[in-house]
Amino acid sequence: MRVSILDDYQGVALDLADWRSIRERGLEIAVERHHFVDQDAAVRALADSEIVCAMRERTPFPKVLLDRLPKLKLLITTGARNASFDMEALKARGITVCGTGGPGGSNEDTAELAWGLILGAMRRIAEDHAFMRQGGWQTRIGHRLAGKTLGMLGLGRLGSAVARVGLAFGMKGIAWSQNLTAEKAAEQGVERVEKDELFRRADVLSVHLVLSQRSRGLVGARELGLMKPSAVLVNTSRGPIVDTTALIAALKEGRLAYAGLDVYDHEPLPIDHPLRTTPNVIMTPHIGYVTDENYRNSYPQIVENIIGFLDGKPVRVL
């Protein structure tokens, strides 16, 4: 049997877990350092693999691709869900799908990065760093967080982790999502408000929703138009939740002060994408979950998933 490990951008997959138990069973391990967009290329690489291990949603697995991979028996994703997997097609084919997660997962990592982007936006850290490299000194005035309003678009585990830090900074927390109740918000020390009020009041708006048909494009031109011209929007969730065209227009026209982004409609972000030249944006390349600690949690679980499957006792089945 053959195991394909996909999307290993940093070339660390084989170093962050003990794969000997896989090799001892006679399985061949192939590592791909990139993701696949072209389906013909994916088929050429994966046609002989019974087991495929994907990193999040870097490589999509729609039905049209799955139909061209007749040998595939086990598909693994890091994380507890993967919106780029056609789960109905996988179920129909009888392909087992497993994930990773539990203690040591990526919620803390993404929450920490969200605060890196928030602080970078409020204090213009990236610009001042670049200016210092060029020999410059003070040219702009930043903004403090204490006393400001932190708006949470989503207050699940990740959103709650971000909210707790905001409260520690002395911010006032407000939140909205379709299913959020006042009682659940109060448990996190946050006020539940209506959607429009969230956008109007937030000095910093942080996005923490799961991408779905309900959330796709949820932050559009109308919602951005409700925000203060001094406000900051941060998205570490999924790119398509925010209308990128509307966001770029708001930033260029001065209707929004700043944005901090770790996620995008198309990843990797195309080299000629207009976001790369949009003013008042701090960007990172979808690294919210990319930490040594999270990888050292995920890759060993992938090994466990493979062994469980080979033994007829699959674990972490999605």
Protein backbone atom coordinates (compact mmCIF):
# COMPACT_ATOMS: atom_id res chain seq x y z
CA MET A 1 0.00 0.00 0.00
CA ARG A 2 1.01 3.58 -0.55
CA VAL A 3 0.54 6.60 1.73
CA SER A 4 0.67 10.09 0.23
CA ILE A 5 1.29 13.04 2.56
CA LEU A 6 0.13 16.23 0.87
CA ASP A 7 0.71 19.95 1.30
CA ASP A 8 3.93 19.67 3.33
CA TYR A 9 4.96 23.23 2.48
CA GLN A 10 7.69 23.36 5.11
CA GLY A 11 9.03 19.85 4.52
CA VAL A 12 8.55 18.81 8.16
CA ALA A 13 5.94 16.03 8.08
CA LEU A 14 8.38 13.14 8.40
CA ASP A 15 10.29 14.87 11.22
CA LEU A 16 7.32 15.68 13.46
CA ALA A 17 5.99 12.15 13.93
CA ASP A 18 7.38 8.61 14.15
CA TRP A 19 6.45 6.94 10.87
CA ARG A 20 8.39 3.71 11.56
CA SER A 21 5.23 1.79 12.46
CA ILE A 22 3.88 2.61 9.00
CA ARG A 23 7.03 1.57 7.17
CA GLU A 24 7.36 -1.62 9.26
CA ARG A 25 4.05 -2.75 7.80
CA GLY A 26 5.49 -2.42 4.32
CA LEU A 27 3.73 0.77 3.33
CA GLU A 28 5.45 3.20 0.97
CA ILE A 29 5.34 6.86 2.06
CA ALA A 30 5.37 9.62 -0.55
CA VAL A 31 5.55 13.30 0.46
CA GLU A 32 4.27 16.14 -1.72
CA ARG A 33 5.69 19.55 -0.81
CA HIS A 34 2.81 21.42 -2.43
CA HIS A 35 -0.97 21.39 -2.76
CA PHE A 36 -2.84 20.40 -5.92
CA VAL A 37 -5.14 22.72 -7.81
CA ASP A 38 -4.91 20.96 -11.18
CA GLN A 39 -6.85 17.71 -10.95
CA ASP A 40 -4.84 15.95 -13.64
CA ALA A 41 -1.70 16.59 -11.59
CA ALA A 42 -3.45 15.31 -8.46
CA VAL A 43 -4.48 12.12 -10.23
CA ARG A 44 -0.96 11.53 -11.52
CA ALA A 45 0.42 11.88 -8.00
CA LEU A 46 -2.29 10.00 -6.08
CA ALA A 47 -3.61 7.33 -8.45
CA ASP A 48 -1.60 4.56 -6.74
CA SER A 49 -2.26 5.71 -3.15
CA GLU A 50 -4.71 3.87 -0.94
CA ILE A 51 -4.17 6.40 1.89
CA VAL A 52 -3.96 10.17 1.49
CA CYS A 53 -3.16 12.65 4.28
CA ALA A 54 -4.19 16.26 3.63
CA MET A 55 -3.26 19.40 5.54
CA ARG A 56 -6.49 21.29 6.18
CA GLU A 57 -8.14 22.53 2.99
CA ARG A 58 -5.03 23.13 0.91
CA THR A 59 -5.96 20.40 -1.59
CA PRO A 60 -9.72 20.03 -2.32
CA PHE A 61 -11.26 16.59 -2.82
CA PRO A 62 -14.49 17.09 -4.83
CA LYS A 63 -16.43 14.18 -6.31
CA VAL A 64 -14.89 14.67 -9.76
CA LEU A 65 -11.43 14.04 -8.30
CA LEU A 66 -12.52 11.19 -6.03
CA ASP A 67 -14.02 9.40 -9.03
CA ARG A 68 -10.57 9.36 -10.60
CA LEU A 69 -8.90 7.80 -7.55
CA PRO A 70 -10.31 4.25 -7.49
CA LYS A 71 -7.63 2.93 -5.10
CA LEU A 72 -8.35 5.47 -2.35
CA LYS A 73 -9.54 3.81 0.86
CA LEU A 74 -8.61 6.27 3.63
CA LEU A 75 -8.56 10.07 3.48
CA ILE A 76 -7.22 12.00 6.49
CA THR A 77 -7.45 15.70 7.20
CA THR A 78 -5.85 17.69 9.98
CA GLY A 79 -8.58 19.27 12.06
CA ALA A 80 -12.05 18.02 12.89
CA ARG A 81 -13.70 19.14 9.63
CA ASN A 82 -12.75 19.89 6.05
CA ALA A 83 -15.05 21.98 3.87
CA SER A 84 -13.12 21.02 0.72
CA PHE A 85 -13.95 17.30 1.08
CA ASP A 86 -17.12 16.07 -0.65
CA MET A 87 -18.33 14.03 2.30
CA GLU A 88 -21.37 12.63 0.46
CA ALA A 89 -19.20 11.32 -2.36
CA LEU A 90 -16.72 9.86 0.12
CA LYS A 91 -19.53 8.13 2.00
CA ALA A 92 -21.00 6.77 -1.22
CA ARG A 93 -17.62 5.33 -2.18
CA GLY A 94 -17.14 3.78 1.26
CA ILE A 95 -13.92 5.76 1.82
CA THR A 96 -13.08 6.22 5.48
CA VAL A 97 -12.43 9.84 6.50
CA CYS A 98 -10.52 10.64 9.69
CA GLY A 99 -9.38 13.87 11.32
CA THR A 100 -7.23 15.13 14.14
CA GLY A 101 -7.92 17.32 17.16
CA GLY A 102 -8.46 17.32 20.89
CA PRO A 103 -6.11 18.80 23.50
CA GLY A 104 -3.15 20.52 21.93
CA GLY A 105 -5.16 21.57 18.86
CA SER A 106 -4.95 24.83 16.95
CA ASN A 107 -7.55 27.03 18.67
CA GLU A 108 -4.96 28.63 20.92
CA ASP A 109 -2.57 29.11 18.01
CA THR A 110 -5.14 30.92 15.87
CA ALA A 111 -6.35 33.04 18.78
CA GLU A 112 -2.78 34.13 19.45
CA LEU A 113 -2.24 35.05 15.81
CA ALA A 114 -5.50 37.01 15.78
CA TRP A 115 -4.09 39.14 18.57
CA GLY A 116 -0.84 39.55 16.69
CA LEU A 117 -2.83 40.97 13.78
CA ILE A 118 -4.97 43.15 16.05
CA LEU A 119 -1.91 44.64 17.74
CA GLY A 120 -0.16 45.00 14.40
CA ALA A 121 -3.14 46.90 13.04
CA MET A 122 -3.67 49.17 16.05
CA ARG A 123 0.01 50.09 16.37
CA ARG A 124 1.06 49.78 12.70
CA ILE A 125 3.86 47.43 13.67
CA ALA A 126 4.62 46.12 10.17
CA GLU A 127 4.96 49.62 8.70
CA ASP A 128 7.16 50.89 11.52
CA HIS A 129 9.35 47.79 11.35
CA ALA A 130 9.87 48.31 7.60
CA PHE A 131 10.54 52.02 8.14
CA MET A 132 13.11 51.28 10.84
CA ARG A 133 14.89 48.95 8.40
CA GLN A 134 15.09 51.89 6.02
CA GLY A 135 16.62 54.14 8.69
CA GLY A 136 13.42 55.91 9.70
CA TRP A 137 11.93 56.86 13.06
CA GLN A 138 8.50 57.97 14.33
CA THR A 139 5.99 59.08 11.69
CA ARG A 140 2.55 57.96 12.90
CA ILE A 141 0.36 57.75 16.00
CA GLY A 142 -1.10 54.42 17.12
CA HIS A 143 -4.20 53.57 19.14
CA ARG A 144 -4.62 51.86 22.50
CA LEU A 145 -6.93 48.90 23.03
CA ALA A 146 -8.09 49.65 26.58
CA GLY A 147 -11.54 51.18 26.54
CA LYS A 148 -12.25 50.15 22.95
CA THR A 149 -15.02 47.76 21.90
CA LEU A 150 -14.06 44.30 20.62
CA GLY A 151 -16.69 42.82 18.33
CA MET A 152 -16.74 39.04 17.96
CA LEU A 153 -18.39 37.66 14.82
CA GLY A 154 -18.73 34.17 16.29
CA LEU A 155 -18.13 33.18 19.90
CA GLY A 156 -17.22 29.51 19.78
CA ARG A 157 -14.06 28.06 21.31
CA LEU A 158 -11.75 30.19 19.20
CA GLY A 159 -13.80 33.37 19.44
CA SER A 160 -14.10 32.94 23.18
CA ALA A 161 -10.32 32.60 23.49
CA VAL A 162 -9.86 35.86 21.58
CA ALA A 163 -12.53 37.59 23.69
CA ARG A 164 -10.82 36.65 26.96
CA VAL A 165 -7.65 38.42 25.87
CA GLY A 166 -9.63 41.49 24.87
CA LEU A 167 -11.21 41.66 28.31
CA ALA A 168 -7.75 41.35 29.87
CA PHE A 169 -6.70 44.41 27.81
CA GLY A 170 -9.60 46.33 29.31
CA MET A 171 -11.80 46.18 26.22
CA LYS A 172 -15.58 45.84 26.19
CA GLY A 173 -16.71 42.67 24.42
CA ILE A 174 -19.77 42.31 22.19
CA ALA A 175 -20.68 39.37 19.98
CA TRP A 176 -23.16 38.02 17.45
CA SER A 177 -23.75 34.85 15.49
CA GLN A 178 -26.91 33.14 14.27
CA ASN A 179 -27.07 30.75 17.22
CA LEU A 180 -25.49 32.82 19.99
CA THR A 181 -27.66 33.42 23.04
CA ALA A 182 -27.34 36.18 25.61
CA GLU A 183 -26.63 33.57 28.28
CA LYS A 184 -23.74 31.99 26.36
CA ALA A 185 -22.25 35.39 25.63
CA ALA A 186 -22.52 36.40 29.30
CA GLU A 187 -20.61 33.27 30.31
CA GLN A 188 -17.63 34.73 28.41
CA GLY A 189 -18.09 38.19 29.88
CA VAL A 190 -19.43 39.44 26.55
CA GLU A 191 -22.68 41.17 25.57
CA ARG A 192 -24.79 39.56 22.87
CA VAL A 193 -25.97 42.17 20.35
CA GLU A 194 -27.77 42.11 17.02
CA LYS A 195 -25.72 41.80 13.84
CA ASP A 196 -25.97 45.41 12.65
CA GLU A 197 -25.16 46.71 16.13
CA LEU A 198 -22.04 44.54 16.18
CA PHE A 199 -20.70 46.20 13.04
CA ARG A 200 -21.69 49.72 14.15
CA ARG A 201 -20.14 49.54 17.61
CA ALA A 202 -16.96 47.52 17.10
CA ASP A 203 -13.63 49.30 17.14
CA VAL A 204 -12.05 45.94 16.37
CA LEU A 205 -14.12 43.26 14.64
CA SER A 206 -12.67 39.73 14.71
CA VAL A 207 -14.19 36.99 12.51
CA HIS A 208 -14.54 33.50 14.01
CA LEU A 209 -17.26 31.67 12.07
CA VAL A 210 -17.14 28.33 10.30
CA LEU A 211 -17.40 28.73 6.53
CA SER A 212 -20.82 27.55 5.36
CA GLN A 213 -23.58 28.65 3.01
CA ARG A 214 -24.88 30.86 5.83
CA SER A 215 -21.56 32.56 6.48
CA ARG A 216 -20.16 32.85 2.93
CA GLY A 217 -20.11 36.54 2.02
CA LEU A 218 -21.67 37.46 5.36
CA VAL A 219 -19.39 40.49 5.69
CA GLY A 220 -20.23 42.41 2.54
CA ALA A 221 -20.37 46.01 1.38
CA ARG A 222 -23.45 46.70 3.50
CA GLU A 223 -21.87 45.40 6.72
CA LEU A 224 -18.58 47.17 6.06
CA GLY A 225 -20.56 50.34 5.44
CA LEU A 226 -21.94 50.14 8.97
CA MET A 227 -18.46 50.14 10.53
CA LYS A 228 -16.67 53.17 11.92
CA PRO A 229 -14.05 54.68 9.58
CA SER A 230 -11.61 54.20 12.48
CA ALA A 231 -12.40 50.49 12.89
CA VAL A 232 -10.19 47.47 12.27
CA LEU A 233 -11.39 44.15 10.79
CA VAL A 234 -9.43 40.95 11.45
CA ASN A 235 -10.14 37.63 9.72
CA THR A 236 -8.38 34.44 10.83
CA SER A 237 -11.33 32.18 9.99
CA ARG A 238 -11.93 31.70 6.24
CA GLY A 239 -11.46 34.16 3.41
CA PRO A 240 -14.87 33.83 1.69
CA ILE A 241 -16.72 34.99 4.83
CA VAL A 242 -15.61 38.52 3.92
CA ASP A 243 -16.32 40.03 0.50
CA THR A 244 -12.77 40.80 -0.62
CA THR A 245 -13.76 43.28 -3.31
CA ALA A 246 -15.88 45.27 -0.85
CA LEU A 247 -13.10 45.15 1.75
CA ILE A 248 -10.49 46.48 -0.67
CA ALA A 249 -12.84 49.31 -1.71
CA ALA A 250 -13.53 50.27 1.93
CA LEU A 251 -9.81 50.39 2.72
CA LYS A 252 -8.87 52.36 -0.39
CA GLU A 253 -11.68 54.86 0.14
CA GLY A 254 -10.89 55.38 3.84
CA ARG A 255 -14.19 53.93 5.04
CA LEU A 256 -12.30 51.35 7.12
CA ALA A 257 -9.05 52.11 8.90
CA TYR A 258 -7.23 48.79 8.70
CA ALA A 259 -7.54 45.05 8.12
CA GLY A 260 -5.57 42.10 9.45
CA LEU A 261 -5.86 38.98 7.29
CA ASP A 262 -4.59 35.43 7.57
CA VAL A 263 -7.10 33.81 5.18
CA TYR A 264 -8.10 34.44 1.56
CA ASP A 265 -10.56 33.43 -1.14
CA HIS A 266 -7.75 31.76 -3.11
CA GLU A 267 -4.76 30.20 -1.36
CA PRO A 268 -1.89 30.61 -1.79
CA LEU A 269 -2.76 34.23 -2.52
CA PRO A 270 -1.93 34.94 -6.20
CA ILE A 271 1.17 37.07 -6.63
CA ASP A 272 -0.79 39.73 -8.54
CA HIS A 273 -3.78 39.82 -6.15
CA PRO A 274 -4.88 43.41 -5.38
CA LEU A 275 -4.72 42.77 -1.63
CA ARG A 276 -0.93 42.69 -1.93
CA THR A 277 -0.95 46.39 -2.85
CA THR A 278 -3.97 47.56 -0.84
CA PRO A 279 -3.10 50.16 1.81
CA ASN A 280 -3.58 49.59 5.54
CA VAL A 281 -3.50 45.79 5.51
CA ILE A 282 -1.31 43.47 7.57
CA MET A 283 -1.24 39.98 6.02
CA THR A 284 0.07 36.56 7.00
CA PRO A 285 -0.02 33.42 4.77
CA HIS A 286 -2.71 31.36 6.60
CA ILE A 287 -0.45 30.49 9.51
CA GLY A 288 -3.00 30.60 12.33
CA TYR A 289 -2.64 26.86 12.87
CA VAL A 290 0.97 26.57 11.63
CA THR A 291 2.91 26.09 14.85
CA ASP A 292 5.42 23.48 15.92
CA GLU A 293 3.14 22.46 18.78
CA ASN A 294 0.09 21.96 16.57
CA TYR A 295 2.03 20.01 13.94
CA ARG A 296 3.53 17.80 16.66
CA ASN A 297 -0.03 17.08 17.75
CA SER A 298 -1.48 16.53 14.26
CA TYR A 299 1.10 14.34 12.51
CA PRO A 300 1.33 11.70 15.29
CA GLN A 301 -2.47 11.51 15.23
CA ILE A 302 -2.32 10.93 11.48
CA VAL A 303 -0.01 7.97 12.14
CA GLU A 304 -2.47 6.66 14.76
CA ASN A 305 -5.33 7.06 12.27
CA ILE A 306 -3.46 5.00 9.67
CA ILE A 307 -2.60 2.22 12.14
CA GLY A 308 -6.19 2.13 13.39
CA PHE A 309 -7.47 1.81 9.84
CA LEU A 310 -4.99 -0.96 8.99
CA ASP A 311 -6.05 -2.83 12.13
CA GLY A 312 -9.73 -2.53 11.20
CA LYS A 313 -10.40 -0.16 14.12
CA PRO A 314 -10.39 3.35 12.64
CA VAL A 315 -10.19 6.25 15.08
CA ARG A 316 -11.28 9.91 14.85
CA VAL A 317 -13.70 9.04 12.04
CA LEU A 318 -15.48 12.05 10.58
